[in-house]
Protein backbone atom coordinates (compact mmCIF):
# COMPACT_ATOMS: atom_id res chain seq x y z
CA MET A 1 3.75 21.10 -6.71
CA HIS A 2 6.28 19.71 -4.26
CA TYR A 3 6.23 17.12 -1.50
CA ASP A 4 6.58 19.76 1.19
CA GLN A 5 3.11 21.05 0.36
CA PHE A 6 1.76 17.79 1.78
CA PHE A 7 4.33 16.14 4.07
CA SER A 8 7.96 16.42 5.10
CA ILE A 9 9.98 13.89 3.15
CA ASP A 10 12.83 14.29 5.63
CA ALA A 11 10.68 12.91 8.44
CA GLY A 12 11.44 9.32 7.44
CA PRO A 13 10.23 6.31 5.44
CA GLY A 14 6.83 4.62 5.39
CA VAL A 15 5.47 1.08 5.66
CA CYS A 16 2.24 -0.67 4.74
CA TYR A 17 0.50 -2.06 7.80
CA SER A 18 -2.05 -4.84 8.17
CA GLY A 19 -2.18 -6.48 11.59
CA TYR A 20 -4.03 -9.73 10.82
CA ARG A 21 -2.36 -12.74 12.43
CA GLU A 22 -3.04 -16.48 12.36
CA ASN A 23 -6.78 -17.18 11.95
CA GLN A 24 -7.51 -13.48 11.45
CA TYR A 25 -8.47 -11.87 8.14
CA PRO A 26 -10.39 -8.93 6.65
CA GLY A 27 -14.11 -9.51 7.05
CA GLY A 28 -13.48 -12.03 9.85
CA PRO A 29 -11.76 -11.98 13.25
CA ILE A 30 -9.56 -8.93 13.69
CA PRO A 31 -6.50 -8.39 15.88
CA THR A 32 -7.03 -7.49 19.52
CA TYR A 33 -6.31 -4.08 20.95
CA GLN A 34 -3.16 -5.39 22.63
CA GLU A 35 -1.92 -7.04 19.41
CA VAL A 36 -2.32 -3.84 17.42
CA LYS A 37 -0.67 -1.84 20.18
CA GLU A 38 2.32 -4.21 20.10
CA ASP A 39 2.53 -3.88 16.31
CA LEU A 40 2.46 -0.10 16.30
CA HIS A 41 5.19 0.20 18.90
CA LEU A 42 7.37 -2.07 16.74
CA VAL A 43 6.59 -0.09 13.59
CA ALA A 44 7.32 3.24 15.26
CA GLN A 45 10.89 2.10 15.94
CA HIS A 46 11.63 2.12 12.21
CA PHE A 47 9.10 4.27 10.37
CA SER A 48 7.45 7.68 10.37
CA TYR A 49 4.49 6.93 8.10
CA ILE A 50 2.11 3.99 7.80
CA ARG A 51 -0.37 3.15 5.09
CA LEU A 52 -3.77 1.53 5.80
CA TYR A 53 -5.90 0.12 3.01
CA SER A 54 -9.52 0.56 4.05
CA VAL A 55 -11.86 2.15 6.55
CA ASP A 56 -12.94 -0.66 8.88
CA ASP A 57 -12.84 -1.68 12.54
CA HIS A 58 -9.16 -2.62 12.35
CA THR A 59 -8.27 0.81 10.95
CA LYS A 60 -10.35 2.60 13.58
CA MET A 61 -8.52 0.66 16.30
CA VAL A 62 -5.16 1.64 14.80
CA LEU A 63 -6.06 5.33 14.89
CA GLU A 64 -7.42 5.09 18.42
CA ILE A 65 -4.21 3.44 19.67
CA LEU A 66 -1.96 5.91 17.87
CA GLU A 67 -3.76 8.75 19.61
CA LYS A 68 -3.80 7.14 23.06
CA GLU A 69 -0.17 6.05 22.90
CA ASP A 70 0.89 9.34 21.27
CA LEU A 71 3.04 7.46 18.78
CA PRO A 72 4.89 9.57 16.18
CA LEU A 73 3.27 7.91 13.17
CA LYS A 74 1.35 9.75 10.46
CA VAL A 75 -1.21 7.75 8.48
CA MET A 76 -2.20 7.45 4.83
CA ILE A 77 -5.63 5.88 4.82
CA GLY A 78 -7.48 4.41 1.86
CA ALA A 79 -10.98 3.70 0.71
CA TYR A 80 -10.78 0.13 -0.59
CA LEU A 81 -12.84 -0.25 -3.77
CA GLU A 82 -14.44 -3.57 -4.73
CA ALA A 83 -15.09 -4.60 -8.35
CA GLU A 84 -17.68 -2.49 -10.17
CA VAL A 85 -16.72 -3.80 -13.62
CA ASN A 86 -15.96 -7.34 -14.74
CA ASN A 87 -12.38 -8.02 -15.78
CA PRO A 88 -12.00 -11.21 -17.82
CA GLU A 89 -8.29 -10.34 -18.18
CA CYS A 90 -7.72 -10.88 -14.46
CA GLY A 91 -4.52 -12.82 -13.82
CA TRP A 92 -6.17 -15.53 -11.71
CA ASP A 93 -9.51 -17.34 -11.49
CA SER A 94 -11.61 -14.35 -10.48
CA GLY A 95 -12.51 -10.94 -11.81
CA VAL A 96 -15.93 -11.84 -13.25
CA TYR A 97 -19.04 -11.43 -11.10
CA GLY A 98 -22.81 -11.46 -11.40
CA SER A 99 -24.67 -8.20 -11.87
CA GLU A 100 -26.09 -8.29 -8.32
CA ILE A 101 -22.60 -8.52 -6.83
CA LEU A 102 -21.39 -5.61 -8.93
CA LYS A 103 -24.37 -3.50 -7.82
CA ALA A 104 -23.75 -4.39 -4.19
CA ASN A 105 -20.09 -3.47 -4.63
CA GLN A 106 -21.07 -0.04 -5.92
CA LEU A 107 -22.98 0.58 -2.70
CA LYS A 108 -20.06 -0.70 -0.62
CA ASN A 109 -17.66 1.56 -2.46
CA ARG A 110 -19.80 4.64 -1.95
CA LYS A 111 -19.94 3.85 1.74
CA GLN A 112 -16.15 3.40 1.84
CA VAL A 113 -15.74 6.83 0.28
CA GLN A 114 -18.13 8.41 2.78
CA ASP A 115 -16.40 6.61 5.65
CA LEU A 116 -13.04 7.91 4.38
CA ILE A 117 -14.40 11.46 4.42
CA LEU A 118 -15.72 10.98 7.95
CA ILE A 119 -12.55 9.55 9.44
CA ALA A 120 -10.36 12.14 7.72
CA GLY A 121 -12.33 14.80 9.55
CA GLN A 122 -12.03 12.99 12.88
CA TYR A 123 -8.21 12.77 12.71
CA PRO A 124 -7.08 15.82 10.74
CA GLU A 125 -3.60 15.91 12.29
CA ARG A 126 -2.93 12.16 12.35
CA ILE A 127 -4.12 11.36 8.80
CA PHE A 128 -1.81 13.14 6.37
CA ALA A 129 -3.13 11.77 3.05
CA LEU A 130 -6.09 9.90 1.56
CA ALA A 131 -6.14 7.22 -1.14
CA VAL A 132 -9.16 6.34 -3.27
CA GLY A 133 -8.74 2.74 -4.39
CA ASN A 134 -5.88 0.25 -4.41
CA GLU A 135 -4.86 -1.52 -7.64
CA ALA A 136 -8.35 -1.04 -9.04
CA CYS A 137 -7.17 -0.02 -12.53
CA VAL A 138 -4.25 -2.31 -13.36
CA SER A 139 -5.00 -4.83 -16.12
CA TRP A 140 -4.78 -7.94 -13.91
CA THR A 141 -6.93 -6.73 -11.02
CA ASP A 142 -9.89 -8.71 -9.68
CA HIS A 143 -11.55 -5.51 -8.38
CA LEU A 144 -11.73 -3.34 -11.46
CA VAL A 145 -13.36 0.09 -11.23
CA ALA A 146 -13.80 2.43 -14.20
CA VAL A 147 -11.42 5.40 -14.22
CA GLU A 148 -14.31 7.84 -14.58
CA THR A 149 -15.97 6.36 -11.51
CA ILE A 150 -12.78 6.69 -9.49
CA LYS A 151 -12.55 10.29 -10.64
CA GLU A 152 -16.04 10.93 -9.23
CA TYR A 153 -14.98 9.39 -5.91
CA ILE A 154 -11.82 11.50 -5.81
CA LEU A 155 -13.74 14.71 -6.39
CA ALA A 156 -16.25 13.78 -3.67
CA VAL A 157 -13.39 13.31 -1.20
CA LYS A 158 -11.58 16.49 -2.24
CA ALA A 159 -14.78 18.50 -1.80
CA LYS A 160 -14.98 17.56 1.88
CA CYS A 161 -11.41 16.87 3.06
CA ALA A 162 -8.37 19.05 3.69
CA GLN A 163 -5.84 16.24 3.21
CA PRO A 164 -4.22 15.64 -0.20
CA VAL A 165 -5.81 12.84 -2.22
CA THR A 166 -4.24 10.15 -4.39
CA VAL A 167 -4.94 6.78 -6.01
CA CYS A 168 -2.61 3.81 -5.32
CA ASP A 169 -1.87 1.52 -8.25
CA ASN A 170 0.81 -0.23 -10.26
CA TYR A 171 3.05 2.18 -12.17
CA VAL A 172 1.96 0.83 -15.60
CA PRO A 173 -1.66 2.12 -15.75
CA TRP A 174 -0.49 5.57 -14.64
CA LEU A 175 1.29 5.76 -17.99
CA ASP A 176 -1.92 5.31 -19.99
CA THR A 177 -5.38 4.38 -18.68
CA MET A 178 -5.09 6.40 -15.45
CA GLN A 179 -3.93 9.59 -17.14
CA PRO A 180 -7.36 11.29 -16.69
CA LEU A 181 -6.89 11.03 -12.92
CA VAL A 182 -3.68 13.06 -12.85
CA GLU A 183 -5.55 16.34 -13.16
CA CYS A 184 -7.55 15.70 -9.98
CA VAL A 185 -5.09 13.96 -7.63
CA ASP A 186 -2.66 15.93 -5.47
CA PHE A 187 0.10 13.39 -5.97
CA ILE A 188 0.58 10.10 -7.82
CA SER A 189 1.10 6.83 -5.93
CA ILE A 190 2.79 3.94 -7.70
CA HIS A 191 3.60 0.30 -6.91
CA THR A 192 6.81 -1.24 -8.16
CA TYR A 193 7.71 -4.92 -7.76
CA PRO A 194 10.79 -5.99 -9.73
CA VAL A 195 10.54 -9.54 -8.40
CA TRP A 196 7.05 -9.96 -9.90
CA GLU A 197 8.60 -9.00 -13.24
CA TYR A 198 11.13 -11.86 -12.94
CA GLN A 199 14.00 -9.51 -12.07
CA ASP A 200 16.53 -10.78 -9.55
CA ILE A 201 18.06 -8.77 -6.74
CA ASP A 202 20.93 -7.46 -8.89
CA GLN A 203 18.48 -5.51 -11.07
CA ALA A 204 15.91 -4.67 -8.38
CA LEU A 205 16.84 -1.12 -7.46
CA SER A 206 17.50 -0.02 -11.04
CA ILE A 207 14.09 -1.39 -12.09
CA THR A 208 12.35 0.54 -9.28
CA GLN A 209 14.25 3.71 -10.19
CA SER A 210 13.20 3.23 -13.82
CA ASP A 211 9.54 2.67 -12.88
CA HIS A 212 9.55 5.86 -10.81
CA ALA A 213 11.33 7.83 -13.54
CA LYS A 214 8.82 6.78 -16.21
CA VAL A 215 6.00 8.33 -14.23
CA THR A 216 7.84 11.45 -13.05
CA GLN A 217 9.01 12.19 -16.59
CA LYS A 218 5.52 11.80 -18.01
CA TYR A 219 4.05 14.16 -15.41
CA PRO A 220 6.72 16.74 -14.57
CA GLY A 221 5.85 18.80 -11.52
CA VAL A 222 3.49 16.20 -10.04
CA PRO A 223 4.87 14.54 -6.87
CA VAL A 224 5.20 10.74 -7.17
CA VAL A 225 5.17 8.57 -4.06
CA ILE A 226 5.97 4.84 -4.06
CA THR A 227 3.19 3.37 -1.94
CA GLU A 228 4.34 -0.23 -2.39
CA ALA A 229 7.78 -1.72 -2.96
CA GLY A 230 8.99 -4.90 -1.32
CA TRP A 231 10.67 -8.28 -1.54
CA PRO A 232 9.40 -11.69 -0.31
CA THR A 233 11.41 -14.06 1.84
CA LEU A 234 9.75 -17.26 0.60
CA ALA A 235 8.12 -18.37 -2.69
CA ASN A 236 6.78 -21.54 -4.27
CA GLY A 237 7.84 -20.82 -7.85
CA LYS A 238 4.40 -19.70 -9.00
CA GLY A 239 4.97 -16.17 -10.25
CA ILE A 240 8.25 -15.70 -8.40
CA PRO A 241 11.25 -18.01 -8.85
CA ILE A 242 11.97 -19.86 -5.61
CA HIS A 243 15.62 -18.78 -5.46
CA PHE A 244 14.69 -15.08 -5.85
CA ALA A 245 12.82 -15.04 -2.53
CA HIS A 246 15.35 -14.98 0.28
CA PRO A 247 15.93 -13.03 3.54
CA MET A 248 19.27 -11.69 2.27
CA ALA A 249 17.70 -10.49 -0.98
CA GLN A 250 15.01 -8.70 1.03
CA LYS A 251 17.68 -7.05 3.16
CA THR A 252 19.68 -5.95 0.13
CA TYR A 253 16.67 -4.40 -1.60
CA TYR A 254 15.44 -2.75 1.60
CA GLN A 255 18.77 -1.11 2.34
CA SER A 256 19.43 0.05 -1.21
CA LEU A 257 15.88 1.33 -1.64
CA ASN A 258 16.08 3.31 1.61
CA ARG A 259 19.39 4.88 0.62
CA TRP A 260 18.07 5.90 -2.79
CA ALA A 261 14.80 7.24 -1.32
CA ALA A 262 16.68 9.39 1.20
CA GLU A 263 19.10 10.73 -1.41
CA SER A 264 16.37 11.38 -3.99
CA LYS A 265 13.79 12.62 -1.46
CA VAL A 266 11.17 10.12 -2.56
CA LEU A 267 8.67 8.92 0.01
CA VAL A 268 8.53 5.11 -0.12
CA PHE A 269 6.16 2.77 1.72
CA TRP A 270 7.79 -0.62 2.19
CA PHE A 271 5.48 -3.56 1.60
CA GLU A 272 5.09 -4.63 4.28
CA ALA A 273 5.45 -4.59 8.08
CA PHE A 274 4.31 -8.15 8.96
CA ASP A 275 3.74 -11.45 7.14
CA GLU A 276 0.08 -12.09 6.30
CA PRO A 277 -0.83 -15.81 6.54
CA TRP A 278 -4.40 -15.23 5.32
CA LYS A 279 -3.30 -14.19 1.83
CA GLY A 280 -3.09 -16.27 -1.32
CA SER A 281 -3.38 -20.04 -1.60
CA GLU A 282 -3.22 -22.72 1.10
CA ASP A 283 0.41 -23.43 0.17
CA PRO A 284 2.56 -22.29 3.14
CA ALA A 285 5.23 -21.19 0.65
CA GLU A 286 2.74 -18.94 -1.16
CA PRO A 287 4.73 -15.71 -1.71
CA GLU A 288 1.75 -13.48 -0.86
CA LYS A 289 2.21 -14.58 2.76
CA HIS A 290 5.88 -13.65 3.12
CA TRP A 291 6.58 -9.97 2.39
CA GLY A 292 6.88 -8.80 6.00
CA LEU A 293 9.88 -7.32 7.76
CA TYR A 294 8.60 -9.41 10.69
CA ASP A 295 7.13 -12.88 10.50
CA VAL A 296 3.59 -13.52 11.75
CA SER A 297 4.85 -14.16 15.30
CA ARG A 298 6.43 -10.65 15.24
CA LYS A 299 9.95 -12.02 15.11
CA PRO A 300 12.15 -9.64 13.09
CA LYS A 301 13.62 -11.06 9.89
CA ARG A 302 17.26 -10.67 8.92
CA VAL A 303 16.57 -7.28 7.34
CA LEU A 304 15.98 -5.72 10.78
CA LEU A 305 18.57 -7.50 12.88
CA GLN A 306 21.32 -4.90 12.56
CA ALA A 307 20.81 -1.32 11.51
CA ARG A 308 17.59 0.64 11.77
CA TYR A 309 16.80 2.99 8.94
CA LYS A 310 14.54 5.62 10.43
CA ARG A 311 15.88 9.02 9.41
């Protein structure tokens, strides 16, 4: 199998998009139509593909605006899966739930899968790929789902949808626990974050190249997309050293990653388009809030102030 069976790698790079601004968050207030429209026009200046994480009102608005504005952006859309299995190994104070919550999550997940099938049929030209789950298998996740269950969801989607189907997760579980999924996905989607592995900017690109190579070498002939790779511009020292997170480091990684992706014909989704103030702790220096190419006010960071990298 080759990329060109699914999408043209020469069309340009991708970016992860979530439009929630101050006092907006998933499950609560969502961005307005005008706010999302503004975002998508900014994104279209730099990217050819965007990735959305779930099927919800925000996602439906994005697709509606893309169609009305006739913006040249293709969409990877995901069914976000909540925890169906407890994970006491979760890396923070969550991951273990009562049985009623887990049962309710199963119902939510089945609805997400059905909603993914529905929306894929509504936008067959705009939506170029489908993802079943996001970081639902990696060892530290707080929304663990059994691999066999994910396989059932994948097969349900593939039975009804023309678009290629994948699962988005950290590169590590693809090397072992997620191996049973390789036979039923159309391409593999990995996440690679050198900075979360305490690697500074000097090693960043080589670490990402190594992560990608580990998976491609294990599964020769299976296309491997990087659906998340990024660098924060601020950190509080919890998980990421403070001096690693810097606008210049983000710019360096972004530029080198784009060059390598173009030369190697690897589709990469940068994480992410805009800062997300709703994420993580209340600490304003929480790194989860600061991965955007733009800050929350839509002011471009240093990474975008000179060259644009749309191919």
